[in-house]
Amino acid sequence: MAEAKCSSGKSCEECKLKHDSQECKIHAALEKVGRRLIVMSGKGGVGKSTVAVNLAVSFALQGKRVGLLDVDLHGPSVPKMLKLENYSPEVSGSGKMLPAEIGSLKVVSIGFLLEHTDSAVVWRGPMKIGVINQFITDVEWGELDVLVVDAPPGTGDEPLTVCQDLAGEKAAAIIVTTPQQVSATDVSKSLTFCKELGLKVAGLVENMSTFICPHCGKETAIFSSGAGEELAKKYDVPLLGKLPIDPIICQGGDEGTPFIRRFAGSLTAASFAKIVDQLSE
């Protein structure tokens, strides 16, 4: 395996006295990680966690070794969506935190470290940056084919830290939006954010695109539509697909069983599978 190098171009061992040791630790930790997919958006409430969790589970079902990192420090929902609320992290022999494991899926979330599910994380920027760095360097991730990151909304400290830590040819963002123009206005900021950082955008996912009636199965556009197509065209990025408002998504999330697994035969799961296929290619 090639020796880890930091931005100086030198090996971590050569530059450890002159450069930030944290940067060297991050590069060394990522040597065993393949693709890094950062699920993000310019606003909250668009379903980033739903996309991130089902994406990670989909890759795991394909037989890939997958990591899911939840860095939504103020609203961690991944533990609930994977039925891991009671997971208490253990420490390995090397002193690193062991992630929760569901088959070939490894999961880390700040929710594992909170005393209660309703405990608030009241931290300023430096503390949040430090914890995100530790989630990369001080966790026993092992060999991963894919690392999926559930980022918090906006373009502040947390998304910036994640994108800078994971930067490189193997990193890409998946931007989640909803059909309304007000959503597109905020989400466009994430696209310009990625451009400024030089982070590749793998594509857009338009969530809550339509509503599927659980009784008759009829599909209805209850919001204004077209934001996904307009953003994709304006910023020249792929529109990976559209996901409807479907009760099975809510049911899967609330019960801790992702819909892509529990309702694999549904139209919604088929729509999501097309997104995963494009990302797998």
C-alpha atoms as a PDB file:
ATOM      1  CA  MET A   1       0.000   0.000   0.000  1.00  0.00           C
ATOM      2  CA  ALA A   2       1.306   3.448  -0.934  1.00  0.00           C
ATOM      3  CA  GLU A   3       2.459   5.656   1.912  1.00  0.00           C
ATOM      4  CA  ALA A   4       0.015   8.394   2.888  1.00  0.00           C
ATOM      5  CA  LYS A   5       0.925  11.886   1.796  1.00  0.00           C
ATOM      6  CA  CYS A   6      -0.493  15.244   2.765  1.00  0.00           C
ATOM      7  CA  SER A   7      -0.897  18.421   0.719  1.00  0.00           C
ATOM      8  CA  SER A   8       2.849  19.076   0.905  1.00  0.00           C
ATOM      9  CA  GLY A   9       3.421  16.138  -1.426  1.00  0.00           C
ATOM     10  CA  LYS A  10       5.725  14.562   1.132  1.00  0.00           C
ATOM     11  CA  SER A  11       5.063  11.449   3.160  1.00  0.00           C
ATOM     12  CA  CYS A  12       3.391  11.977   6.498  1.00  0.00           C
ATOM     13  CA  GLU A  13       6.533  10.751   8.248  1.00  0.00           C
ATOM     14  CA  GLU A  14       8.688  13.334   6.420  1.00  0.00           C
ATOM     15  CA  CYS A  15       6.498  16.319   7.156  1.00  0.00           C
ATOM     16  CA  LYS A  16       5.086  15.489  10.575  1.00  0.00           C
ATOM     17  CA  LEU A  17       7.252  18.097  12.284  1.00  0.00           C
ATOM     18  CA  LYS A  18       6.375  20.856   9.809  1.00  0.00           C
ATOM     19  CA  HIS A  19       2.723  20.256   8.973  1.00  0.00           C
ATOM     20  CA  ASP A  20      -0.514  19.689  10.835  1.00  0.00           C
ATOM     21  CA  SER A  21      -0.396  16.168  12.231  1.00  0.00           C
ATOM     22  CA  GLN A  22      -4.193  16.003  12.018  1.00  0.00           C
ATOM     23  CA  GLU A  23      -3.972  16.330   8.232  1.00  0.00           C
ATOM     24  CA  CYS A  24      -1.518  13.444   8.113  1.00  0.00           C
ATOM     25  CA  LYS A  25      -3.827  11.324  10.274  1.00  0.00           C
ATOM     26  CA  ILE A  26      -6.752  12.025   7.958  1.00  0.00           C
ATOM     27  CA  HIS A  27      -4.795  11.052   4.854  1.00  0.00           C
ATOM     28  CA  ALA A  28      -3.537   7.893   6.536  1.00  0.00           C
ATOM     29  CA  ALA A  29      -7.069   6.928   7.635  1.00  0.00           C
ATOM     30  CA  LEU A  30      -8.439   7.412   4.119  1.00  0.00           C
ATOM     31  CA  GLU A  31      -5.828   5.184   2.498  1.00  0.00           C
ATOM     32  CA  LYS A  32      -8.159   2.212   3.049  1.00  0.00           C
ATOM     33  CA  VAL A  33     -11.290   4.027   1.845  1.00  0.00           C
ATOM     34  CA  GLY A  34     -12.470   3.861  -1.756  1.00  0.00           C
ATOM     35  CA  ARG A  35     -15.188   6.207  -2.986  1.00  0.00           C
ATOM     36  CA  ARG A  36     -16.422   8.999  -0.717  1.00  0.00           C
ATOM     37  CA  LEU A  37     -19.994  10.157  -1.379  1.00  0.00           C
ATOM     38  CA  ILE A  38     -21.165  13.224   0.544  1.00  0.00           C
ATOM     39  CA  VAL A  39     -24.957  13.608   0.657  1.00  0.00           C
ATOM     40  CA  MET A  40     -25.743  17.277   1.169  1.00  0.00           C
ATOM     41  CA  SER A  41     -28.185  20.103   0.521  1.00  0.00           C
ATOM     42  CA  GLY A  42     -28.489  23.843   1.007  1.00  0.00           C
ATOM     43  CA  LYS A  43     -31.529  23.438   3.236  1.00  0.00           C
ATOM     44  CA  GLY A  44     -32.972  21.074   5.815  1.00  0.00           C
ATOM     45  CA  GLY A  45     -36.029  18.879   5.529  1.00  0.00           C
ATOM     46  CA  VAL A  46     -35.328  17.607   2.021  1.00  0.00           C
ATOM     47  CA  GLY A  47     -34.573  14.013   3.011  1.00  0.00           C
ATOM     48  CA  LYS A  48     -30.775  13.858   3.000  1.00  0.00           C
ATOM     49  CA  SER A  49     -30.652  11.223   5.729  1.00  0.00           C
ATOM     50  CA  THR A  50     -33.219   9.069   3.922  1.00  0.00           C
ATOM     51  CA  VAL A  51     -31.130   9.198   0.756  1.00  0.00           C
ATOM     52  CA  ALA A  52     -27.855   8.590   2.622  1.00  0.00           C
ATOM     53  CA  VAL A  53     -29.136   5.614   4.630  1.00  0.00           C
ATOM     54  CA  ASN A  54     -30.816   3.885   1.700  1.00  0.00           C
ATOM     55  CA  LEU A  55     -27.801   4.549  -0.505  1.00  0.00           C
ATOM     56  CA  ALA A  56     -25.448   2.964   2.041  1.00  0.00           C
ATOM     57  CA  VAL A  57     -27.758  -0.031   2.523  1.00  0.00           C
ATOM     58  CA  SER A  58     -28.062  -0.464  -1.265  1.00  0.00           C
ATOM     59  CA  PHE A  59     -24.293  -0.621  -1.684  1.00  0.00           C
ATOM     60  CA  ALA A  60     -24.063  -3.095   1.202  1.00  0.00           C
ATOM     61  CA  LEU A  61     -26.718  -5.299  -0.419  1.00  0.00           C
ATOM     62  CA  GLN A  62     -24.494  -5.362  -3.516  1.00  0.00           C
ATOM     63  CA  GLY A  63     -21.778  -6.939  -1.393  1.00  0.00           C
ATOM     64  CA  LYS A  64     -19.667  -3.815  -0.995  1.00  0.00           C
ATOM     65  CA  ARG A  65     -17.907  -2.877   2.248  1.00  0.00           C
ATOM     66  CA  VAL A  66     -19.657   0.334   3.210  1.00  0.00           C
ATOM     67  CA  GLY A  67     -19.208   3.012   5.847  1.00  0.00           C
ATOM     68  CA  LEU A  68     -21.997   5.424   6.812  1.00  0.00           C
ATOM     69  CA  LEU A  69     -20.851   8.527   8.672  1.00  0.00           C
ATOM     70  CA  ASP A  70     -23.541  10.746  10.188  1.00  0.00           C
ATOM     71  CA  VAL A  71     -22.122  14.227  10.760  1.00  0.00           C
ATOM     72  CA  ASP A  72     -25.459  15.961  11.252  1.00  0.00           C
ATOM     73  CA  LEU A  73     -24.335  16.773  14.776  1.00  0.00           C
ATOM     74  CA  HIS A  74     -27.419  18.729  15.824  1.00  0.00           C
ATOM     75  CA  GLY A  75     -30.001  16.366  14.356  1.00  0.00           C
ATOM     76  CA  PRO A  76     -28.589  12.838  14.022  1.00  0.00           C
ATOM     77  CA  SER A  77     -31.364  10.637  12.623  1.00  0.00           C
ATOM     78  CA  VAL A  78     -29.300   7.749  11.256  1.00  0.00           C
ATOM     79  CA  PRO A  79     -29.409   5.707  14.524  1.00  0.00           C
ATOM     80  CA  LYS A  80     -33.223   5.801  14.486  1.00  0.00           C
ATOM     81  CA  MET A  81     -33.442   4.916  10.797  1.00  0.00           C
ATOM     82  CA  LEU A  82     -31.236   1.850  11.311  1.00  0.00           C
ATOM     83  CA  LYS A  83     -32.595   0.817  14.710  1.00  0.00           C
ATOM     84  CA  LEU A  84     -29.295   1.619  16.425  1.00  0.00           C
ATOM     85  CA  GLU A  85     -30.510   4.018  19.124  1.00  0.00           C
ATOM     86  CA  ASN A  86     -29.203   1.769  21.901  1.00  0.00           C
ATOM     87  CA  TYR A  87     -25.800   1.111  20.388  1.00  0.00           C
ATOM     88  CA  SER A  88     -22.932   1.874  22.771  1.00  0.00           C
ATOM     89  CA  PRO A  89     -19.574   2.141  20.984  1.00  0.00           C
ATOM     90  CA  GLU A  90     -16.705  -0.012  22.150  1.00  0.00           C
ATOM     91  CA  VAL A  91     -12.993   0.683  21.815  1.00  0.00           C
ATOM     92  CA  SER A  92     -10.614  -1.519  19.825  1.00  0.00           C
ATOM     93  CA  GLY A  93      -7.227  -2.742  21.026  1.00  0.00           C
ATOM     94  CA  SER A  94      -5.625   0.170  19.175  1.00  0.00           C
ATOM     95  CA  GLY A  95      -7.749   2.660  21.100  1.00  0.00           C
ATOM     96  CA  LYS A  96     -10.106   3.510  18.245  1.00  0.00           C
ATOM     97  CA  MET A  97     -13.902   3.549  18.370  1.00  0.00           C
ATOM     98  CA  LEU A  98     -15.619   0.554  16.802  1.00  0.00           C
ATOM     99  CA  PRO A  99     -18.542   1.452  14.517  1.00  0.00           C
ATOM    100  CA  ALA A 100     -21.878  -0.307  14.697  1.00  0.00           C
ATOM    101  CA  GLU A 101     -22.038  -3.108  12.139  1.00  0.00           C
ATOM    102  CA  ILE A 102     -25.018  -4.370  10.142  1.00  0.00           C
ATOM    103  CA  GLY A 103     -23.612  -7.008   7.816  1.00  0.00           C
ATOM    104  CA  SER A 104     -21.041  -5.267   5.628  1.00  0.00           C
ATOM    105  CA  LEU A 105     -22.310  -1.818   6.672  1.00  0.00           C
ATOM    106  CA  LYS A 106     -20.407   0.108   9.355  1.00  0.00           C
ATOM    107  CA  VAL A 107     -22.113   3.094  10.974  1.00  0.00           C
ATOM    108  CA  VAL A 108     -20.877   6.003  13.095  1.00  0.00           C
ATOM    109  CA  SER A 109     -23.042   8.822  14.455  1.00  0.00           C
ATOM    110  CA  ILE A 110     -22.829  11.425  17.191  1.00  0.00           C
ATOM    111  CA  GLY A 111     -26.128   9.906  18.326  1.00  0.00           C
ATOM    112  CA  PHE A 112     -24.165   6.929  19.694  1.00  0.00           C
ATOM    113  CA  LEU A 113     -22.392   9.232  22.130  1.00  0.00           C
ATOM    114  CA  LEU A 114     -25.393  11.149  23.500  1.00  0.00           C
ATOM    115  CA  GLU A 115     -26.775  10.217  26.911  1.00  0.00           C
ATOM    116  CA  HIS A 116     -30.373  10.528  25.723  1.00  0.00           C
ATOM    117  CA  THR A 117     -31.999  10.715  22.294  1.00  0.00           C
ATOM    118  CA  ASP A 118     -33.302  14.207  23.115  1.00  0.00           C
ATOM    119  CA  SER A 119     -29.928  15.519  24.341  1.00  0.00           C
ATOM    120  CA  ALA A 120     -28.912  18.709  22.542  1.00  0.00           C
ATOM    121  CA  VAL A 121     -25.418  19.201  21.133  1.00  0.00           C
ATOM    122  CA  VAL A 122     -24.485  22.764  22.122  1.00  0.00           C
ATOM    123  CA  TRP A 123     -21.092  23.260  20.505  1.00  0.00           C
ATOM    124  CA  ARG A 124     -19.304  26.019  18.675  1.00  0.00           C
ATOM    125  CA  GLY A 125     -17.419  25.546  15.417  1.00  0.00           C
ATOM    126  CA  PRO A 126     -13.998  24.379  16.696  1.00  0.00           C
ATOM    127  CA  MET A 127     -15.560  21.610  18.793  1.00  0.00           C
ATOM    128  CA  LYS A 128     -17.646  20.390  15.842  1.00  0.00           C
ATOM    129  CA  ILE A 129     -14.653  20.425  13.508  1.00  0.00           C
ATOM    130  CA  GLY A 130     -12.623  18.415  16.015  1.00  0.00           C
ATOM    131  CA  VAL A 131     -15.307  15.753  16.406  1.00  0.00           C
ATOM    132  CA  ILE A 132     -15.748  15.346  12.633  1.00  0.00           C
ATOM    133  CA  ASN A 133     -11.999  14.904  12.233  1.00  0.00           C
ATOM    134  CA  GLN A 134     -12.021  12.306  15.009  1.00  0.00           C
ATOM    135  CA  PHE A 135     -14.844  10.397  13.303  1.00  0.00           C
ATOM    136  CA  ILE A 136     -12.447   9.900  10.389  1.00  0.00           C
ATOM    137  CA  THR A 137      -9.154   9.350  12.180  1.00  0.00           C
ATOM    138  CA  ASP A 138     -10.163   7.725  15.494  1.00  0.00           C
ATOM    139  CA  VAL A 139     -12.674   5.176  14.204  1.00  0.00           C
ATOM    140  CA  GLU A 140     -11.722   1.625  13.216  1.00  0.00           C
ATOM    141  CA  TRP A 141     -13.240   1.823   9.727  1.00  0.00           C
ATOM    142  CA  GLY A 142     -11.015  -0.853   8.181  1.00  0.00           C
ATOM    143  CA  GLU A 143     -11.156  -1.441   4.418  1.00  0.00           C
ATOM    144  CA  LEU A 144     -14.112   0.301   2.754  1.00  0.00           C
ATOM    145  CA  ASP A 145     -15.268   0.270  -0.844  1.00  0.00           C
ATOM    146  CA  VAL A 146     -17.576   3.239  -0.236  1.00  0.00           C
ATOM    147  CA  LEU A 147     -17.946   5.823   2.524  1.00  0.00           C
ATOM    148  CA  VAL A 148     -21.330   7.583   2.515  1.00  0.00           C
ATOM    149  CA  VAL A 149     -21.550  10.779   4.557  1.00  0.00           C
ATOM    150  CA  ASP A 150     -24.818  12.270   5.776  1.00  0.00           C
ATOM    151  CA  ALA A 151     -23.944  15.966   5.990  1.00  0.00           C
ATOM    152  CA  PRO A 152     -26.008  18.627   7.786  1.00  0.00           C
ATOM    153  CA  PRO A 153     -27.799  21.314   5.763  1.00  0.00           C
ATOM    154  CA  GLY A 154     -26.094  24.461   4.575  1.00  0.00           C
ATOM    155  CA  THR A 155     -22.511  25.351   3.763  1.00  0.00           C
ATOM    156  CA  GLY A 156     -21.112  25.966   7.245  1.00  0.00           C
ATOM    157  CA  ASP A 157     -18.445  24.392   9.419  1.00  0.00           C
ATOM    158  CA  GLU A 158     -19.597  20.780   9.234  1.00  0.00           C
ATOM    159  CA  PRO A 159     -20.029  20.418   5.442  1.00  0.00           C
ATOM    160  CA  LEU A 160     -16.873  22.435   4.853  1.00  0.00           C
ATOM    161  CA  THR A 161     -14.831  20.235   7.197  1.00  0.00           C
ATOM    162  CA  VAL A 162     -16.153  17.022   5.651  1.00  0.00           C
ATOM    163  CA  CYS A 163     -15.521  18.178   2.088  1.00  0.00           C
ATOM    164  CA  GLN A 164     -12.000  19.351   2.891  1.00  0.00           C
ATOM    165  CA  ASP A 165     -11.176  16.153   4.810  1.00  0.00           C
ATOM    166  CA  LEU A 166     -12.446  13.858   2.054  1.00  0.00           C
ATOM    167  CA  ALA A 167     -11.246  15.956  -0.887  1.00  0.00           C
ATOM    168  CA  GLY A 168      -9.676  14.192  -3.833  1.00  0.00           C
ATOM    169  CA  GLU A 169     -10.460  12.294  -7.000  1.00  0.00           C
ATOM    170  CA  LYS A 170     -12.430   9.665  -5.065  1.00  0.00           C
ATOM    171  CA  ALA A 171     -14.798  12.215  -3.488  1.00  0.00           C
ATOM    172  CA  ALA A 172     -18.100  13.447  -4.910  1.00  0.00           C
ATOM    173  CA  ALA A 173     -21.250  15.155  -3.657  1.00  0.00           C
ATOM    174  CA  ILE A 174     -24.839  14.036  -4.083  1.00  0.00           C
ATOM    175  CA  ILE A 175     -27.140  17.036  -3.815  1.00  0.00           C
ATOM    176  CA  VAL A 176     -30.712  16.506  -2.590  1.00  0.00           C
ATOM    177  CA  THR A 177     -33.507  18.935  -3.461  1.00  0.00           C
ATOM    178  CA  THR A 178     -37.299  19.053  -3.498  1.00  0.00           C
ATOM    179  CA  PRO A 179     -39.378  20.246  -6.492  1.00  0.00           C
ATOM    180  CA  GLN A 180     -40.207  23.759  -5.215  1.00  0.00           C
ATOM    181  CA  GLN A 181     -38.370  26.808  -6.475  1.00  0.00           C
ATOM    182  CA  VAL A 182     -37.735  27.960  -2.906  1.00  0.00           C
ATOM    183  CA  SER A 183     -35.817  24.736  -2.370  1.00  0.00           C
ATOM    184  CA  ALA A 184     -33.882  25.197  -5.600  1.00  0.00           C
ATOM    185  CA  THR A 185     -32.754  28.652  -4.482  1.00  0.00           C
ATOM    186  CA  ASP A 186     -31.174  27.238  -1.332  1.00  0.00           C
ATOM    187  CA  VAL A 187     -29.867  24.057  -2.930  1.00  0.00           C
ATOM    188  CA  SER A 188     -28.099  26.057  -5.654  1.00  0.00           C
ATOM    189  CA  LYS A 189     -25.830  27.368  -2.903  1.00  0.00           C
ATOM    190  CA  SER A 190     -24.582  23.814  -2.303  1.00  0.00           C
ATOM    191  CA  LEU A 191     -23.747  23.506  -5.995  1.00  0.00           C
ATOM    192  CA  THR A 192     -21.725  26.727  -5.995  1.00  0.00           C
ATOM    193  CA  PHE A 193     -20.160  25.593  -2.706  1.00  0.00           C
ATOM    194  CA  CYS A 194     -18.923  22.400  -4.392  1.00  0.00           C
ATOM    195  CA  LYS A 195     -17.641  24.368  -7.355  1.00  0.00           C
ATOM    196  CA  GLU A 196     -15.636  26.708  -5.132  1.00  0.00           C
ATOM    197  CA  LEU A 197     -14.094  23.753  -3.302  1.00  0.00           C
ATOM    198  CA  GLY A 198     -13.362  21.842  -6.501  1.00  0.00           C
ATOM    199  CA  LEU A 199     -15.591  18.974  -5.328  1.00  0.00           C
ATOM    200  CA  LYS A 200     -17.132  16.894  -8.094  1.00  0.00           C
ATOM    201  CA  VAL A 201     -20.940  16.597  -8.059  1.00  0.00           C
ATOM    202  CA  ALA A 202     -22.071  13.055  -8.847  1.00  0.00           C
ATOM    203  CA  GLY A 203     -25.602  14.306  -9.413  1.00  0.00           C
ATOM    204  CA  LEU A 204     -28.891  15.613  -8.062  1.00  0.00           C
ATOM    205  CA  VAL A 205     -31.732  13.694  -6.425  1.00  0.00           C
ATOM    206  CA  GLU A 206     -35.172  15.321  -6.451  1.00  0.00           C
ATOM    207  CA  ASN A 207     -36.968  14.050  -3.359  1.00  0.00           C
ATOM    208  CA  MET A 208     -40.721  14.402  -2.677  1.00  0.00           C
ATOM    209  CA  SER A 209     -41.186  14.777  -6.415  1.00  0.00           C
ATOM    210  CA  THR A 210     -44.749  13.442  -6.398  1.00  0.00           C
ATOM    211  CA  PHE A 211     -47.168  11.802  -3.957  1.00  0.00           C
ATOM    212  CA  ILE A 212     -48.175   8.144  -4.305  1.00  0.00           C
ATOM    213  CA  CYS A 213     -51.571   7.452  -2.756  1.00  0.00           C
ATOM    214  CA  PRO A 214     -51.370   4.360  -0.532  1.00  0.00           C
ATOM    215  CA  HIS A 215     -54.984   3.437  -1.402  1.00  0.00           C
ATOM    216  CA  CYS A 216     -55.292   3.803  -5.155  1.00  0.00           C
ATOM    217  CA  GLY A 217     -51.611   4.035  -6.114  1.00  0.00           C
ATOM    218  CA  LYS A 218     -52.198   7.209  -8.121  1.00  0.00           C
ATOM    219  CA  GLU A 219     -49.207   9.530  -8.449  1.00  0.00           C
ATOM    220  CA  THR A 220     -49.864  13.253  -7.968  1.00  0.00           C
ATOM    221  CA  ALA A 221     -47.564  16.298  -8.112  1.00  0.00           C
ATOM    222  CA  ILE A 222     -48.653  18.162  -4.983  1.00  0.00           C
ATOM    223  CA  PHE A 223     -45.738  20.608  -5.065  1.00  0.00           C
ATOM    224  CA  SER A 224     -44.611  22.803  -7.908  1.00  0.00           C
ATOM    225  CA  SER A 225     -42.262  20.800 -10.089  1.00  0.00           C
ATOM    226  CA  GLY A 226     -39.159  21.105 -12.213  1.00  0.00           C
ATOM    227  CA  ALA A 227     -36.558  22.309  -9.728  1.00  0.00           C
ATOM    228  CA  GLY A 228     -34.410  19.213 -10.201  1.00  0.00           C
ATOM    229  CA  GLU A 229     -34.328  19.509 -13.980  1.00  0.00           C
ATOM    230  CA  GLU A 230     -33.662  23.243 -13.861  1.00  0.00           C
ATOM    231  CA  LEU A 231     -30.779  22.907 -11.412  1.00  0.00           C
ATOM    232  CA  ALA A 232     -29.252  20.021 -13.353  1.00  0.00           C
ATOM    233  CA  LYS A 233     -29.401  21.990 -16.586  1.00  0.00           C
ATOM    234  CA  LYS A 234     -28.161  25.260 -15.079  1.00  0.00           C
ATOM    235  CA  TYR A 235     -25.159  23.698 -13.334  1.00  0.00           C
ATOM    236  CA  ASP A 236     -24.516  20.972 -15.907  1.00  0.00           C
ATOM    237  CA  VAL A 237     -24.779  18.061 -13.488  1.00  0.00           C
ATOM    238  CA  PRO A 238     -26.704  14.781 -13.860  1.00  0.00           C
ATOM    239  CA  LEU A 239     -30.229  14.433 -12.488  1.00  0.00           C
ATOM    240  CA  LEU A 240     -29.872  10.971 -10.950  1.00  0.00           C
ATOM    241  CA  GLY A 241     -33.577  10.492 -10.346  1.00  0.00           C
ATOM    242  CA  LYS A 242     -36.764  11.487  -8.576  1.00  0.00           C
ATOM    243  CA  LEU A 243     -38.244   9.995  -5.422  1.00  0.00           C
ATOM    244  CA  PRO A 244     -41.924  10.322  -4.496  1.00  0.00           C
ATOM    245  CA  ILE A 245     -43.565  11.063  -1.170  1.00  0.00           C
ATOM    246  CA  ASP A 246     -44.459   7.525  -0.249  1.00  0.00           C
ATOM    247  CA  PRO A 247     -45.717   6.273   3.154  1.00  0.00           C
ATOM    248  CA  ILE A 248     -43.375   3.284   2.912  1.00  0.00           C
ATOM    249  CA  ILE A 249     -40.409   5.663   3.180  1.00  0.00           C
ATOM    250  CA  CYS A 250     -41.747   7.098   6.437  1.00  0.00           C
ATOM    251  CA  GLN A 251     -42.640   3.636   7.722  1.00  0.00           C
ATOM    252  CA  GLY A 252     -39.204   2.233   6.954  1.00  0.00           C
ATOM    253  CA  GLY A 253     -37.441   5.163   8.608  1.00  0.00           C
ATOM    254  CA  ASP A 254     -39.612   5.126  11.735  1.00  0.00           C
ATOM    255  CA  GLU A 255     -39.276   1.356  12.179  1.00  0.00           C
ATOM    256  CA  GLY A 256     -35.535   1.286  11.528  1.00  0.00           C
ATOM    257  CA  THR A 257     -35.762  -0.796   8.346  1.00  0.00           C
ATOM    258  CA  PRO A 258     -34.779   1.171   5.200  1.00  0.00           C
ATOM    259  CA  PHE A 259     -37.432   0.985   2.481  1.00  0.00           C
ATOM    260  CA  ILE A 260     -34.897  -0.150  -0.117  1.00  0.00           C
ATOM    261  CA  ARG A 261     -34.617  -3.398   1.865  1.00  0.00           C
ATOM    262  CA  ARG A 262     -38.084  -3.907   3.338  1.00  0.00           C
ATOM    263  CA  PHE A 263     -40.087  -2.777   0.309  1.00  0.00           C
ATOM    264  CA  ALA A 264     -37.693  -3.882  -2.411  1.00  0.00           C
ATOM    265  CA  GLY A 265     -40.551  -4.655  -4.819  1.00  0.00           C
ATOM    266  CA  SER A 266     -42.180  -1.224  -4.630  1.00  0.00           C
ATOM    267  CA  LEU A 267     -42.130   1.443  -7.341  1.00  0.00           C
ATOM    268  CA  THR A 268     -40.308   3.776  -4.944  1.00  0.00           C
ATOM    269  CA  ALA A 269     -37.564   1.216  -4.335  1.00  0.00           C
ATOM    270  CA  ALA A 270     -37.274   0.710  -8.100  1.00  0.00           C
ATOM    271  CA  SER A 271     -36.841   4.470  -8.576  1.00  0.00           C
ATOM    272  CA  PHE A 272     -34.118   4.524  -5.958  1.00  0.00           C
ATOM    273  CA  ALA A 273     -32.432   1.459  -7.452  1.00  0.00           C
ATOM    274  CA  LYS A 274     -31.991   3.392 -10.711  1.00  0.00           C
ATOM    275  CA  ILE A 275     -30.170   6.116  -8.779  1.00  0.00           C
ATOM    276  CA  VAL A 276     -27.913   3.545  -7.156  1.00  0.00           C
ATOM    277  CA  ASP A 277     -27.195   1.899 -10.512  1.00  0.00           C
ATOM    278  CA  GLN A 278     -25.961   5.210 -11.936  1.00  0.00           C
ATOM    279  CA  LEU A 279     -23.727   5.814  -8.956  1.00  0.00           C
ATOM    280  CA  SER A 280     -22.392   2.248  -9.138  1.00  0.00           C
ATOM    281  CA  GLU A 281     -21.370   2.803 -12.734  1.00  0.00           C
END
